[in-house]
């Protein structure tokens, strides 16, 4: 790791029980953590639960954190990914017959509906990707992680990450084009 971890000093303060540092850490990381979990799980409540568990693990690990092995942000994203993977595995074991909630109609309901449909199609196509491709796409394109940070979070080399991204993008383009053809029929 070439640059010092920008979160190291804050994490050190958290380890010493500094409540203000903990609030700063959470306020700085929470939106991205919840965002990643929500994109993986498609459930806001579960995403918030994952974020809470990730920060609990952060507080428990703060005193033993070894700066220099990995950036804290990379480690935190890996924790979130693992928690989401666990929840997704449990979901496969339990099916639900619950009907999804419908969107509240807005003044510009048609545009909102088209945007939501497009977003749903993209989300569904991403969710259908193989796990590693999906995670690579989410980390790089939705979490704005660099290739190096994303590859470290996934425990693979940068070239392997690029390969996952290329295959994932190709599959997404094909699935979205196929969906568009079906919609045109």
N, C-alpha and C. Protein backbone atom coordinates (compact mmCIF):
# COMPACT_ATOMS: atom_id res chain seq x y z
N UNK A 1 0.86 -1.16 0.00
CA UNK A 1 0.00 0.00 0.00
C UNK A 1 0.90 1.22 0.00
N UNK A 2 0.74 2.10 -0.99
CA UNK A 2 1.62 3.23 -1.17
C UNK A 2 1.28 4.41 -0.27
N UNK A 3 0.03 4.76 -0.19
CA UNK A 3 -0.40 5.93 0.57
C UNK A 3 -0.89 5.50 1.95
N UNK A 4 -0.72 6.40 2.94
CA UNK A 4 -1.25 6.06 4.27
C UNK A 4 -2.78 6.00 4.24
N UNK A 5 -3.32 5.17 5.10
CA UNK A 5 -4.78 5.01 5.17
C UNK A 5 -5.39 6.28 5.75
N UNK A 6 -6.28 6.94 5.01
CA UNK A 6 -6.87 8.17 5.52
C UNK A 6 -7.75 7.97 6.76
N UNK A 7 -8.15 6.74 7.03
CA UNK A 7 -9.01 6.45 8.17
C UNK A 7 -8.24 5.98 9.40
N UNK A 8 -6.93 5.82 9.28
CA UNK A 8 -6.13 5.23 10.37
C UNK A 8 -6.23 6.03 11.67
N UNK A 9 -6.09 7.35 11.58
CA UNK A 9 -6.13 8.17 12.79
C UNK A 9 -7.51 8.11 13.44
N UNK A 10 -8.54 8.17 12.63
CA UNK A 10 -9.91 8.12 13.15
C UNK A 10 -10.18 6.76 13.79
N UNK A 11 -9.72 5.70 13.16
CA UNK A 11 -9.90 4.36 13.70
C UNK A 11 -9.15 4.19 15.02
N UNK A 12 -8.00 4.81 15.12
CA UNK A 12 -7.22 4.77 16.36
C UNK A 12 -7.99 5.45 17.49
N UNK A 13 -8.64 6.57 17.16
CA UNK A 13 -9.45 7.27 18.17
C UNK A 13 -10.65 6.41 18.58
N UNK A 14 -11.25 5.73 17.62
CA UNK A 14 -12.38 4.85 17.92
C UNK A 14 -11.92 3.75 18.87
N UNK A 15 -10.73 3.21 18.61
CA UNK A 15 -10.18 2.15 19.46
C UNK A 15 -9.99 2.61 20.90
N UNK A 16 -9.74 3.91 21.09
CA UNK A 16 -9.56 4.45 22.44
C UNK A 16 -10.89 4.84 23.08
N UNK A 17 -12.00 4.56 22.39
CA UNK A 17 -13.32 4.84 22.96
C UNK A 17 -13.83 6.24 22.71
N UNK A 18 -13.27 6.95 21.76
CA UNK A 18 -13.68 8.31 21.43
C UNK A 18 -15.02 8.28 20.69
N UNK A 19 -16.09 8.67 21.38
CA UNK A 19 -17.44 8.63 20.79
C UNK A 19 -17.57 9.57 19.61
N UNK A 20 -16.94 10.73 19.65
CA UNK A 20 -17.01 11.67 18.54
C UNK A 20 -16.36 11.07 17.29
N UNK A 21 -15.26 10.35 17.48
CA UNK A 21 -14.59 9.70 16.35
C UNK A 21 -15.48 8.62 15.75
N UNK A 22 -16.17 7.88 16.61
CA UNK A 22 -17.08 6.84 16.12
C UNK A 22 -18.20 7.46 15.30
N UNK A 23 -18.75 8.59 15.78
CA UNK A 23 -19.81 9.28 15.02
C UNK A 23 -19.28 9.77 13.68
N UNK A 24 -18.07 10.32 13.67
CA UNK A 24 -17.47 10.78 12.41
C UNK A 24 -17.26 9.62 11.44
N UNK A 25 -16.77 8.51 11.94
CA UNK A 25 -16.53 7.35 11.11
C UNK A 25 -17.84 6.86 10.50
N UNK A 26 -18.85 6.72 11.32
CA UNK A 26 -20.15 6.24 10.83
C UNK A 26 -20.75 7.23 9.84
N UNK A 27 -20.74 8.51 10.16
CA UNK A 27 -21.36 9.48 9.26
C UNK A 27 -20.63 9.55 7.93
N UNK A 28 -19.33 9.30 7.93
CA UNK A 28 -18.57 9.32 6.69
C UNK A 28 -18.76 8.07 5.84
N UNK A 29 -18.97 6.94 6.47
CA UNK A 29 -19.02 5.66 5.74
C UNK A 29 -20.43 5.13 5.54
N UNK A 30 -21.38 5.54 6.36
CA UNK A 30 -22.71 4.95 6.34
C UNK A 30 -23.41 5.01 4.98
N UNK A 31 -23.43 6.15 4.29
CA UNK A 31 -24.16 6.16 3.01
C UNK A 31 -23.64 5.14 2.00
N UNK A 32 -22.33 5.00 1.90
CA UNK A 32 -21.76 4.05 0.94
C UNK A 32 -21.99 2.60 1.39
N UNK A 33 -21.90 2.35 2.67
CA UNK A 33 -22.12 1.01 3.21
C UNK A 33 -23.57 0.59 2.98
N UNK A 34 -24.51 1.45 3.32
CA UNK A 34 -25.93 1.13 3.11
C UNK A 34 -26.21 0.99 1.62
N UNK A 35 -25.60 1.87 0.81
CA UNK A 35 -25.81 1.81 -0.63
C UNK A 35 -25.37 0.48 -1.22
N UNK A 36 -24.18 0.02 -0.83
CA UNK A 36 -23.69 -1.27 -1.34
C UNK A 36 -24.59 -2.40 -0.88
N UNK A 37 -24.94 -2.42 0.38
CA UNK A 37 -25.81 -3.48 0.91
C UNK A 37 -27.18 -3.46 0.24
N UNK A 38 -27.71 -2.28 0.00
CA UNK A 38 -29.02 -2.16 -0.65
C UNK A 38 -28.96 -2.68 -2.09
N UNK A 39 -27.88 -2.36 -2.79
CA UNK A 39 -27.73 -2.86 -4.16
C UNK A 39 -27.59 -4.38 -4.20
N UNK A 40 -26.98 -4.93 -3.18
CA UNK A 40 -26.81 -6.39 -3.15
C UNK A 40 -28.10 -7.10 -2.71
N UNK A 41 -28.80 -6.51 -1.75
CA UNK A 41 -29.93 -7.19 -1.12
C UNK A 41 -31.30 -6.74 -1.63
N UNK A 42 -31.35 -5.55 -2.23
CA UNK A 42 -32.61 -4.98 -2.72
C UNK A 42 -33.65 -4.85 -1.61
N UNK A 43 -33.18 -4.54 -0.42
CA UNK A 43 -34.06 -4.38 0.73
C UNK A 43 -33.41 -3.36 1.67
N UNK A 44 -34.03 -2.20 1.80
CA UNK A 44 -33.45 -1.11 2.58
C UNK A 44 -33.27 -1.49 4.05
N UNK A 45 -34.27 -2.15 4.61
CA UNK A 45 -34.20 -2.53 6.02
C UNK A 45 -33.04 -3.51 6.27
N UNK A 46 -32.90 -4.49 5.39
CA UNK A 46 -31.80 -5.45 5.53
C UNK A 46 -30.46 -4.74 5.34
N UNK A 47 -30.42 -3.80 4.41
CA UNK A 47 -29.19 -3.05 4.16
C UNK A 47 -28.77 -2.28 5.40
N UNK A 48 -29.73 -1.69 6.08
CA UNK A 48 -29.43 -0.96 7.31
C UNK A 48 -28.96 -1.91 8.41
N UNK A 49 -29.55 -3.10 8.47
CA UNK A 49 -29.10 -4.11 9.44
C UNK A 49 -27.65 -4.52 9.16
N UNK A 50 -27.33 -4.71 7.88
CA UNK A 50 -25.97 -5.08 7.50
C UNK A 50 -25.00 -3.96 7.90
N UNK A 51 -25.38 -2.71 7.64
CA UNK A 51 -24.52 -1.58 8.00
C UNK A 51 -24.28 -1.57 9.51
N UNK A 52 -25.33 -1.79 10.27
CA UNK A 52 -25.19 -1.79 11.72
C UNK A 52 -24.22 -2.90 12.16
N UNK A 53 -24.38 -4.07 11.60
CA UNK A 53 -23.49 -5.18 11.96
C UNK A 53 -22.05 -4.88 11.53
N UNK A 54 -21.88 -4.26 10.38
CA UNK A 54 -20.53 -3.91 9.91
C UNK A 54 -19.86 -2.93 10.87
N UNK A 55 -20.60 -1.96 11.36
CA UNK A 55 -20.02 -0.99 12.29
C UNK A 55 -19.78 -1.60 13.67
N UNK A 56 -20.62 -2.54 14.07
CA UNK A 56 -20.36 -3.26 15.33
C UNK A 56 -19.03 -4.01 15.20
N UNK A 57 -18.82 -4.66 14.07
CA UNK A 57 -17.55 -5.36 13.84
C UNK A 57 -16.38 -4.38 13.82
N UNK A 58 -16.62 -3.20 13.27
CA UNK A 58 -15.57 -2.18 13.24
C UNK A 58 -15.16 -1.80 14.66
N UNK A 59 -16.13 -1.56 15.53
CA UNK A 59 -15.82 -1.17 16.91
C UNK A 59 -15.08 -2.29 17.63
N UNK A 60 -15.49 -3.53 17.35
CA UNK A 60 -14.82 -4.67 17.99
C UNK A 60 -13.39 -4.84 17.49
N UNK A 61 -13.14 -4.53 16.22
CA UNK A 61 -11.83 -4.74 15.61
C UNK A 61 -10.92 -3.51 15.72
N UNK A 62 -11.45 -2.37 16.08
CA UNK A 62 -10.67 -1.13 16.05
C UNK A 62 -9.39 -1.22 16.86
N UNK A 63 -9.43 -1.84 18.02
CA UNK A 63 -8.25 -1.91 18.88
C UNK A 63 -7.17 -2.81 18.31
N UNK A 64 -7.56 -3.76 17.45
CA UNK A 64 -6.57 -4.69 16.90
C UNK A 64 -6.27 -4.40 15.43
N UNK A 65 -6.78 -3.29 14.92
CA UNK A 65 -6.58 -2.95 13.50
C UNK A 65 -5.10 -2.76 13.19
N UNK A 66 -4.63 -3.41 12.14
CA UNK A 66 -3.24 -3.30 11.72
C UNK A 66 -3.17 -2.43 10.48
N UNK A 67 -2.83 -1.18 10.66
CA UNK A 67 -2.69 -0.27 9.53
C UNK A 67 -1.56 -0.75 8.64
N UNK A 68 -1.75 -0.70 7.35
CA UNK A 68 -0.72 -1.12 6.42
C UNK A 68 -1.05 -2.42 5.71
N UNK A 69 -1.87 -3.27 6.31
CA UNK A 69 -2.24 -4.53 5.64
C UNK A 69 -3.26 -4.27 4.55
N UNK A 70 -4.25 -3.46 4.85
CA UNK A 70 -5.28 -3.08 3.88
C UNK A 70 -5.87 -1.76 4.35
N UNK A 71 -6.42 -1.03 3.46
CA UNK A 71 -7.12 0.20 3.85
C UNK A 71 -8.37 -0.19 4.64
N UNK A 72 -8.72 0.63 5.59
CA UNK A 72 -9.91 0.35 6.39
C UNK A 72 -11.14 0.30 5.50
N UNK A 73 -11.25 1.23 4.54
CA UNK A 73 -12.40 1.29 3.65
C UNK A 73 -12.55 -0.02 2.87
N UNK A 74 -11.44 -0.57 2.43
CA UNK A 74 -11.47 -1.84 1.70
C UNK A 74 -11.95 -2.96 2.62
N UNK A 75 -11.43 -3.00 3.83
CA UNK A 75 -11.84 -4.02 4.80
C UNK A 75 -13.34 -3.88 5.10
N UNK A 76 -13.81 -2.66 5.30
CA UNK A 76 -15.21 -2.44 5.61
C UNK A 76 -16.10 -2.92 4.46
N UNK A 77 -15.72 -2.62 3.22
CA UNK A 77 -16.49 -3.10 2.08
C UNK A 77 -16.51 -4.63 2.02
N UNK A 78 -15.41 -5.26 2.35
CA UNK A 78 -15.35 -6.72 2.37
C UNK A 78 -16.29 -7.28 3.44
N UNK A 79 -16.32 -6.65 4.60
CA UNK A 79 -17.23 -7.08 5.66
C UNK A 79 -18.68 -6.97 5.17
N UNK A 80 -19.01 -5.86 4.53
CA UNK A 80 -20.38 -5.66 4.02
C UNK A 80 -20.71 -6.73 2.96
N UNK A 81 -19.77 -6.96 2.04
CA UNK A 81 -19.99 -8.00 1.02
C UNK A 81 -20.25 -9.36 1.67
N UNK A 82 -19.45 -9.72 2.65
CA UNK A 82 -19.61 -11.02 3.32
C UNK A 82 -20.94 -11.12 4.06
N UNK A 83 -21.34 -10.04 4.74
CA UNK A 83 -22.62 -10.05 5.43
C UNK A 83 -23.78 -10.19 4.43
N UNK A 84 -23.66 -9.52 3.30
CA UNK A 84 -24.70 -9.62 2.26
C UNK A 84 -24.73 -11.03 1.67
N UNK A 85 -23.55 -11.60 1.42
CA UNK A 85 -23.49 -12.97 0.89
C UNK A 85 -24.20 -13.93 1.84
N UNK A 86 -23.95 -13.77 3.14
CA UNK A 86 -24.60 -14.64 4.13
C UNK A 86 -26.11 -14.50 4.06
N UNK A 87 -26.59 -13.28 3.97
CA UNK A 87 -28.04 -13.06 3.91
C UNK A 87 -28.64 -13.63 2.62
N UNK A 88 -27.93 -13.46 1.52
CA UNK A 88 -28.43 -13.99 0.25
C UNK A 88 -28.48 -15.52 0.28
N UNK A 89 -27.49 -16.14 0.90
CA UNK A 89 -27.52 -17.60 1.03
C UNK A 89 -28.71 -18.05 1.87
N UNK A 90 -28.96 -17.34 2.96
CA UNK A 90 -30.10 -17.69 3.82
C UNK A 90 -31.42 -17.49 3.08
N UNK A 91 -31.49 -16.46 2.24
CA UNK A 91 -32.71 -16.21 1.47
C UNK A 91 -33.04 -17.37 0.54
N UNK A 92 -32.00 -17.93 -0.06
CA UNK A 92 -32.22 -19.05 -0.99
C UNK A 92 -32.85 -20.23 -0.27
N UNK A 93 -32.59 -20.33 1.03
CA UNK A 93 -33.14 -21.43 1.81
C UNK A 93 -34.59 -21.18 2.21
N UNK A 94 -34.99 -19.91 2.29
CA UNK A 94 -36.34 -19.55 2.71
C UNK A 94 -36.98 -18.72 1.60
N UNK A 95 -38.08 -19.21 1.04
CA UNK A 95 -38.77 -18.46 0.01
C UNK A 95 -39.93 -17.71 0.62
N UNK A 96 -40.32 -16.64 -0.02
CA UNK A 96 -41.40 -15.81 0.50
C UNK A 96 -42.48 -15.66 -0.55
N UNK A 97 -43.72 -15.65 -0.12
CA UNK A 97 -44.85 -15.41 -1.02
C UNK A 97 -45.38 -13.99 -0.87
N UNK A 98 -44.62 -13.14 -0.21
CA UNK A 98 -45.06 -11.77 0.03
C UNK A 98 -45.11 -11.00 -1.29
N UNK A 99 -46.14 -10.22 -1.46
CA UNK A 99 -46.30 -9.38 -2.64
C UNK A 99 -45.50 -8.10 -2.42
N UNK A 100 -44.66 -7.71 -3.39
CA UNK A 100 -43.88 -6.49 -3.20
C UNK A 100 -44.78 -5.26 -3.15
N UNK A 101 -44.32 -4.26 -2.41
CA UNK A 101 -45.07 -3.02 -2.31
C UNK A 101 -45.05 -2.30 -3.65
N UNK A 102 -46.14 -1.59 -3.96
CA UNK A 102 -46.18 -0.82 -5.21
C UNK A 102 -45.73 0.60 -4.94
N UNK A 103 -45.20 1.23 -5.96
CA UNK A 103 -44.70 2.60 -5.83
C UNK A 103 -45.86 3.57 -5.68
N UNK A 104 -45.64 4.59 -4.91
CA UNK A 104 -46.62 5.64 -4.72
C UNK A 104 -46.67 6.51 -5.97
N UNK A 105 -47.87 6.74 -6.57
CA UNK A 105 -47.92 7.55 -7.79
C UNK A 105 -47.50 8.99 -7.50
N UNK A 106 -46.67 9.53 -8.37
CA UNK A 106 -46.17 10.90 -8.23
C UNK A 106 -46.78 11.76 -9.33
N UNK A 107 -46.65 13.10 -9.24
CA UNK A 107 -47.21 13.96 -10.28
C UNK A 107 -46.76 13.55 -11.69
N UNK A 108 -45.50 13.19 -11.86
CA UNK A 108 -45.01 12.75 -13.15
C UNK A 108 -44.87 11.23 -13.11
N UNK A 109 -45.98 10.56 -12.93
CA UNK A 109 -45.98 9.13 -12.69
C UNK A 109 -45.40 8.33 -13.86
N UNK A 110 -45.68 8.74 -15.10
CA UNK A 110 -45.19 7.97 -16.24
C UNK A 110 -43.67 7.99 -16.31
N UNK A 111 -43.05 9.15 -16.16
CA UNK A 111 -41.59 9.23 -16.20
C UNK A 111 -40.98 8.45 -15.04
N UNK A 112 -41.60 8.58 -13.89
CA UNK A 112 -41.12 7.84 -12.72
C UNK A 112 -41.22 6.35 -12.96
N UNK A 113 -42.32 5.92 -13.57
CA UNK A 113 -42.52 4.50 -13.86
C UNK A 113 -41.48 3.98 -14.86
N UNK A 114 -41.23 4.76 -15.91
CA UNK A 114 -40.24 4.36 -16.92
C UNK A 114 -38.85 4.27 -16.28
N UNK A 115 -38.50 5.28 -15.47
CA UNK A 115 -37.20 5.25 -14.79
C UNK A 115 -37.10 4.06 -13.83
N UNK A 116 -38.16 3.82 -13.10
CA UNK A 116 -38.16 2.70 -12.16
C UNK A 116 -38.05 1.37 -12.90
N UNK A 117 -38.75 1.26 -14.02
CA UNK A 117 -38.70 0.04 -14.81
C UNK A 117 -37.29 -0.19 -15.36
N UNK A 118 -36.69 0.87 -15.85
CA UNK A 118 -35.32 0.77 -16.37
C UNK A 118 -34.37 0.40 -15.22
N UNK A 119 -34.52 1.07 -14.09
CA UNK A 119 -33.68 0.76 -12.93
C UNK A 119 -33.89 -0.66 -12.44
N UNK A 120 -35.13 -1.12 -12.46
CA UNK A 120 -35.43 -2.49 -12.05
C UNK A 120 -34.81 -3.49 -13.00
N UNK A 121 -34.85 -3.18 -14.30
CA UNK A 121 -34.25 -4.08 -15.29
C UNK A 121 -32.75 -4.18 -15.08
N UNK A 122 -32.10 -3.04 -14.82
CA UNK A 122 -30.66 -3.04 -14.57
C UNK A 122 -30.36 -3.79 -13.27
N UNK A 123 -31.13 -3.50 -12.22
CA UNK A 123 -30.92 -4.18 -10.94
C UNK A 123 -31.12 -5.68 -11.07
N UNK A 124 -32.13 -6.10 -11.81
CA UNK A 124 -32.39 -7.52 -12.01
C UNK A 124 -31.26 -8.17 -12.81
N UNK A 125 -30.78 -7.46 -13.83
CA UNK A 125 -29.68 -8.00 -14.64
C UNK A 125 -28.41 -8.13 -13.80
N UNK A 126 -28.16 -7.13 -12.95
CA UNK A 126 -26.98 -7.21 -12.06
C UNK A 126 -27.16 -8.34 -11.06
N UNK A 127 -28.35 -8.46 -10.49
CA UNK A 127 -28.60 -9.52 -9.51
C UNK A 127 -28.46 -10.91 -10.12
N UNK A 128 -28.71 -11.05 -11.43
CA UNK A 128 -28.62 -12.34 -12.09
C UNK A 128 -27.19 -12.72 -12.47
N UNK A 129 -26.27 -11.78 -12.36
CA UNK A 129 -24.87 -12.08 -12.68
C UNK A 129 -24.31 -13.10 -11.70
N UNK A 130 -23.31 -13.86 -12.12
CA UNK A 130 -22.61 -14.70 -11.15
C UNK A 130 -22.07 -13.84 -10.01
N UNK A 131 -21.99 -14.39 -8.83
CA UNK A 131 -21.66 -13.63 -7.61
C UNK A 131 -20.43 -12.74 -7.76
N UNK A 132 -19.33 -13.28 -8.24
CA UNK A 132 -18.08 -12.51 -8.31
C UNK A 132 -18.18 -11.38 -9.32
N UNK A 133 -18.85 -11.61 -10.46
CA UNK A 133 -19.03 -10.55 -11.45
C UNK A 133 -19.91 -9.44 -10.86
N UNK A 134 -20.97 -9.84 -10.17
CA UNK A 134 -21.88 -8.87 -9.56
C UNK A 134 -21.14 -8.00 -8.55
N UNK A 135 -20.34 -8.63 -7.71
CA UNK A 135 -19.61 -7.89 -6.69
C UNK A 135 -18.60 -6.94 -7.33
N UNK A 136 -17.91 -7.38 -8.38
CA UNK A 136 -16.95 -6.52 -9.06
C UNK A 136 -17.65 -5.30 -9.66
N UNK A 137 -18.77 -5.52 -10.33
CA UNK A 137 -19.54 -4.42 -10.94
C UNK A 137 -19.99 -3.44 -9.86
N UNK A 138 -20.54 -3.95 -8.76
CA UNK A 138 -21.04 -3.08 -7.70
C UNK A 138 -19.92 -2.26 -7.06
N UNK A 139 -18.80 -2.89 -6.77
CA UNK A 139 -17.71 -2.16 -6.12
C UNK A 139 -17.13 -1.08 -7.02
N UNK A 140 -16.91 -1.40 -8.28
CA UNK A 140 -16.26 -0.44 -9.18
C UNK A 140 -17.23 0.62 -9.68
N UNK A 141 -18.42 0.21 -10.10
CA UNK A 141 -19.33 1.16 -10.74
C UNK A 141 -20.31 1.83 -9.78
N UNK A 142 -20.64 1.21 -8.69
CA UNK A 142 -21.60 1.81 -7.77
C UNK A 142 -20.95 2.34 -6.51
N UNK A 143 -19.84 1.76 -6.11
CA UNK A 143 -19.14 2.22 -4.92
C UNK A 143 -17.94 3.09 -5.27
N UNK A 144 -17.67 3.27 -6.56
CA UNK A 144 -16.57 4.10 -7.04
C UNK A 144 -15.22 3.70 -6.46
N UNK A 145 -15.03 2.42 -6.23
CA UNK A 145 -13.73 1.95 -5.74
C UNK A 145 -12.78 1.85 -6.93
N UNK A 146 -11.51 2.09 -6.68
CA UNK A 146 -10.52 1.91 -7.73
C UNK A 146 -10.37 0.41 -8.00
N UNK A 147 -9.77 0.10 -9.14
CA UNK A 147 -9.54 -1.29 -9.47
C UNK A 147 -8.69 -1.98 -8.41
N UNK A 148 -7.67 -1.28 -7.93
CA UNK A 148 -6.79 -1.87 -6.92
C UNK A 148 -7.55 -2.14 -5.62
N UNK A 149 -8.36 -1.19 -5.19
CA UNK A 149 -9.11 -1.37 -3.94
C UNK A 149 -10.16 -2.47 -4.08
N UNK A 150 -10.86 -2.49 -5.22
CA UNK A 150 -11.89 -3.51 -5.44
C UNK A 150 -11.25 -4.90 -5.53
N UNK A 151 -10.11 -5.00 -6.21
CA UNK A 151 -9.47 -6.31 -6.31
C UNK A 151 -9.00 -6.78 -4.95
N UNK A 152 -8.53 -5.85 -4.13
CA UNK A 152 -8.10 -6.22 -2.77
C UNK A 152 -9.31 -6.67 -1.94
N UNK A 153 -10.42 -5.95 -2.06
CA UNK A 153 -11.62 -6.32 -1.31
C UNK A 153 -12.13 -7.70 -1.71
N UNK A 154 -11.96 -8.05 -2.99
CA UNK A 154 -12.42 -9.35 -3.46
C UNK A 154 -11.37 -10.44 -3.31
N UNK A 155 -10.15 -10.05 -2.93
CA UNK A 155 -9.09 -11.01 -2.73
C UNK A 155 -8.55 -11.59 -4.03
N UNK A 156 -8.53 -10.76 -5.08
CA UNK A 156 -8.03 -11.21 -6.39
C UNK A 156 -7.09 -10.15 -6.95
N UNK A 157 -6.40 -10.48 -8.03
CA UNK A 157 -5.52 -9.53 -8.68
C UNK A 157 -6.30 -8.56 -9.55
N UNK A 158 -5.64 -7.47 -9.93
CA UNK A 158 -6.29 -6.45 -10.75
C UNK A 158 -6.70 -7.03 -12.10
N UNK A 159 -5.86 -7.88 -12.70
CA UNK A 159 -6.20 -8.49 -13.99
C UNK A 159 -7.43 -9.39 -13.87
N UNK A 160 -7.53 -10.12 -12.79
CA UNK A 160 -8.71 -10.97 -12.58
C UNK A 160 -9.96 -10.10 -12.41
N UNK A 161 -9.81 -8.96 -11.71
CA UNK A 161 -10.92 -8.03 -11.56
C UNK A 161 -11.36 -7.50 -12.92
N UNK A 162 -10.40 -7.10 -13.74
CA UNK A 162 -10.73 -6.58 -15.07
C UNK A 162 -11.46 -7.63 -15.89
N UNK A 163 -11.06 -8.88 -15.75
CA UNK A 163 -11.72 -9.97 -16.46
C UNK A 163 -13.16 -10.14 -15.97
N UNK A 164 -13.35 -10.09 -14.64
CA UNK A 164 -14.71 -10.17 -14.09
C UNK A 164 -15.58 -9.02 -14.59
N UNK A 165 -15.00 -7.82 -14.60
CA UNK A 165 -15.74 -6.64 -15.06
C UNK A 165 -16.12 -6.78 -16.53
N UNK A 166 -15.19 -7.21 -17.36
CA UNK A 166 -15.46 -7.36 -18.79
C UNK A 166 -16.57 -8.38 -19.03
N UNK A 167 -16.47 -9.53 -18.36
CA UNK A 167 -17.51 -10.56 -18.53
C UNK A 167 -18.85 -10.07 -17.99
N UNK A 168 -18.82 -9.39 -16.85
CA UNK A 168 -20.06 -8.86 -16.28
C UNK A 168 -20.72 -7.83 -17.16
N UNK A 169 -19.92 -6.91 -17.70
CA UNK A 169 -20.47 -5.88 -18.60
C UNK A 169 -21.06 -6.51 -19.85
N UNK A 170 -20.35 -7.49 -20.42
CA UNK A 170 -20.82 -8.17 -21.62
C UNK A 170 -22.16 -8.86 -21.35
N UNK A 171 -22.24 -9.55 -20.22
CA UNK A 171 -23.48 -10.24 -19.86
C UNK A 171 -24.62 -9.24 -19.62
N UNK A 172 -24.31 -8.14 -18.95
CA UNK A 172 -25.33 -7.11 -18.70
C UNK A 172 -25.86 -6.54 -20.02
N UNK A 173 -24.95 -6.19 -20.92
CA UNK A 173 -25.39 -5.65 -22.22
C UNK A 173 -26.30 -6.64 -22.93
N UNK A 174 -25.92 -7.91 -22.94
CA UNK A 174 -26.72 -8.93 -23.63
C UNK A 174 -28.09 -9.08 -22.97
N UNK A 175 -28.13 -9.14 -21.65
CA UNK A 175 -29.42 -9.33 -20.95
C UNK A 175 -30.33 -8.12 -21.12
N UNK A 176 -29.75 -6.93 -21.06
CA UNK A 176 -30.56 -5.72 -21.22
C UNK A 176 -31.06 -5.58 -22.65
N UNK A 177 -30.24 -5.95 -23.63
CA UNK A 177 -30.68 -5.92 -25.03
C UNK A 177 -31.79 -6.94 -25.25
N UNK A 178 -31.64 -8.11 -24.66
CA UNK A 178 -32.67 -9.15 -24.77
C UNK A 178 -33.98 -8.67 -24.13
N UNK A 179 -33.88 -8.03 -22.99
CA UNK A 179 -35.06 -7.49 -22.31
C UNK A 179 -35.75 -6.44 -23.18
N UNK A 180 -34.96 -5.59 -23.81
CA UNK A 180 -35.51 -4.54 -24.67
C UNK A 180 -36.25 -5.15 -25.85
N UNK A 181 -35.69 -6.23 -26.43
CA UNK A 181 -36.35 -6.91 -27.55
C UNK A 181 -37.69 -7.49 -27.11
N UNK A 182 -37.71 -8.11 -25.92
CA UNK A 182 -38.96 -8.68 -25.40
C UNK A 182 -40.00 -7.59 -25.16
N UNK A 183 -39.55 -6.44 -24.66
CA UNK A 183 -40.47 -5.34 -24.40
C UNK A 183 -41.04 -4.76 -25.68
N UNK A 184 -40.27 -4.84 -26.76
CA UNK A 184 -40.73 -4.29 -28.04
C UNK A 184 -41.76 -5.19 -28.71
N UNK A 185 -41.81 -6.46 -28.30
CA UNK A 185 -42.76 -7.39 -28.94
C UNK A 185 -44.14 -7.17 -28.50
